[in-house]
Amino acid sequence: MGLASYYLRFIVGFANITQPLHQLTEKGQRFTGSPASQDALDRLSKAFITAPVLAIPDLTKPFILDTDASNDGIGAILSQTGMEGERVVAYYSRALHKPDATTA
């Protein structure tokens, strides 16, 4: 998951997509595939080849930050409005672990 996580800023809902894969790597967890983990791997593979091209940030223009949270994760989209309309500059998401989820 390490190399794939490097690209999380390019993929909408990265943490949500990869949740079943992270569960496979938890300490004490037996590494066995499941339909959910295979679906996550398929969705992640598709996201890598269809991810939109991100805009280059223009530091002279204001940024728009959209955030979202649930019991399972948090996410954000950083964008800017330009001549082509609103363009995404970066995505962020991360799964909430049990201690995080109780304080969120």
Protein backbone atom coordinates (compact mmCIF):
# COMPACT_ATOMS: atom_id res chain seq x y z
CA MET A 1 0.00 0.00 0.00
CA GLY A 2 2.97 2.32 0.49
CA LEU A 3 3.57 3.16 -3.17
CA ALA A 4 -0.15 3.38 -3.95
CA SER A 5 -0.61 5.78 -1.01
CA TYR A 6 1.83 8.19 -2.65
CA TYR A 7 -0.83 8.83 -5.30
CA LEU A 8 -3.71 9.49 -2.90
CA ARG A 9 -3.82 13.16 -3.85
CA PHE A 10 -4.72 12.18 -7.43
CA ILE A 11 -7.64 9.84 -6.66
CA VAL A 12 -11.02 10.86 -5.28
CA GLY A 13 -11.99 8.76 -2.25
CA PHE A 14 -8.64 6.96 -2.05
CA ALA A 15 -9.06 6.03 1.62
CA ASN A 16 -12.57 4.73 1.05
CA ILE A 17 -11.45 2.62 -1.92
CA THR A 18 -8.45 1.14 -0.11
CA GLN A 19 -10.13 0.45 3.26
CA PRO A 20 -10.53 -3.32 2.60
CA LEU A 21 -6.87 -3.51 1.50
CA HIS A 22 -5.67 -1.79 4.68
CA GLN A 23 -7.68 -4.26 6.75
CA LEU A 24 -5.67 -7.07 5.15
CA THR A 25 -2.43 -5.56 6.47
CA GLU A 26 -3.52 -4.97 10.09
CA LYS A 27 -1.37 -6.57 12.77
CA GLY A 28 -2.67 -9.98 13.76
CA GLN A 29 -4.92 -10.15 10.70
CA ARG A 30 -4.66 -13.26 8.56
CA PHE A 31 -3.89 -12.27 4.97
CA THR A 32 -6.72 -13.82 2.98
CA GLY A 33 -8.37 -12.29 -0.01
CA SER A 34 -12.08 -11.62 -0.11
CA PRO A 35 -14.56 -10.31 -2.66
CA ALA A 36 -14.35 -6.90 -0.93
CA SER A 37 -10.55 -6.76 -1.17
CA GLN A 38 -10.61 -7.88 -4.82
CA ASP A 39 -13.23 -5.22 -5.58
CA ALA A 40 -11.05 -2.61 -3.84
CA LEU A 41 -8.04 -3.66 -5.90
CA ASP A 42 -10.08 -3.49 -9.11
CA ARG A 43 -11.46 -0.04 -8.21
CA LEU A 44 -7.99 1.24 -7.33
CA SER A 45 -6.54 -0.07 -10.60
CA LYS A 46 -9.32 1.63 -12.56
CA ALA A 47 -8.81 4.88 -10.63
CA PHE A 48 -5.11 4.89 -11.50
CA ILE A 49 -5.81 4.78 -15.23
CA THR A 50 -8.80 7.16 -15.24
CA ALA A 51 -7.79 9.79 -12.66
CA PRO A 52 -8.33 13.34 -13.93
CA VAL A 53 -5.40 15.61 -14.71
CA LEU A 54 -4.87 17.97 -11.81
CA ALA A 55 -4.54 21.71 -12.33
CA ILE A 56 -1.29 23.50 -11.58
CA PRO A 57 -1.97 25.79 -8.62
CA ASP A 58 -1.95 29.52 -9.31
CA LEU A 59 -0.70 31.15 -6.11
CA THR A 60 -2.17 34.52 -7.15
CA LYS A 61 -5.75 33.14 -7.03
CA PRO A 62 -7.79 32.00 -4.04
CA PHE A 63 -8.16 28.30 -3.29
CA ILE A 64 -11.39 26.43 -2.58
CA LEU A 65 -11.24 23.71 0.09
CA ASP A 66 -14.11 21.22 0.28
CA THR A 67 -14.03 18.76 3.19
CA ASP A 68 -16.03 15.72 4.19
CA ALA A 69 -15.95 13.27 7.08
CA SER A 70 -17.69 10.09 8.12
CA ASN A 71 -17.25 7.46 10.81
CA ASP A 72 -14.79 5.67 8.52
CA GLY A 73 -12.65 8.44 7.02
CA ILE A 74 -11.97 12.05 6.15
CA GLY A 75 -11.41 13.67 2.78
CA ALA A 76 -10.71 16.99 1.13
CA ILE A 77 -10.56 18.49 -2.35
CA LEU A 78 -8.41 21.55 -3.03
CA SER A 79 -9.41 23.43 -6.17
CA GLN A 80 -9.28 26.80 -7.91
CA THR A 81 -11.54 28.58 -10.35
CA GLY A 82 -9.99 29.59 -13.64
CA MET A 83 -11.00 30.26 -17.23
CA GLU A 84 -12.11 26.61 -17.64
CA GLY A 85 -14.20 26.67 -14.44
CA GLU A 86 -13.33 24.97 -11.19
CA ARG A 87 -10.30 22.66 -11.49
CA VAL A 88 -9.00 20.24 -8.87
CA VAL A 89 -5.49 20.93 -7.59
CA ALA A 90 -5.26 18.03 -5.11
CA TYR A 91 -7.27 15.36 -3.31
CA TYR A 92 -6.71 14.10 0.22
CA SER A 93 -8.33 11.26 2.11
CA ARG A 94 -7.49 8.98 4.94
CA ALA A 95 -9.23 6.21 6.81
CA LEU A 96 -9.97 6.79 10.47
CA HIS A 97 -8.54 4.17 12.79
CA LYS A 98 -10.46 3.16 15.90
CA PRO A 99 -8.87 5.80 18.22
CA ASP A 100 -9.43 8.52 15.58
CA ALA A 101 -13.03 7.53 14.97
CA THR A 102 -13.98 7.92 18.63
CA THR A 103 -12.69 11.50 18.80
CA ALA A 104 -13.91 12.69 15.39
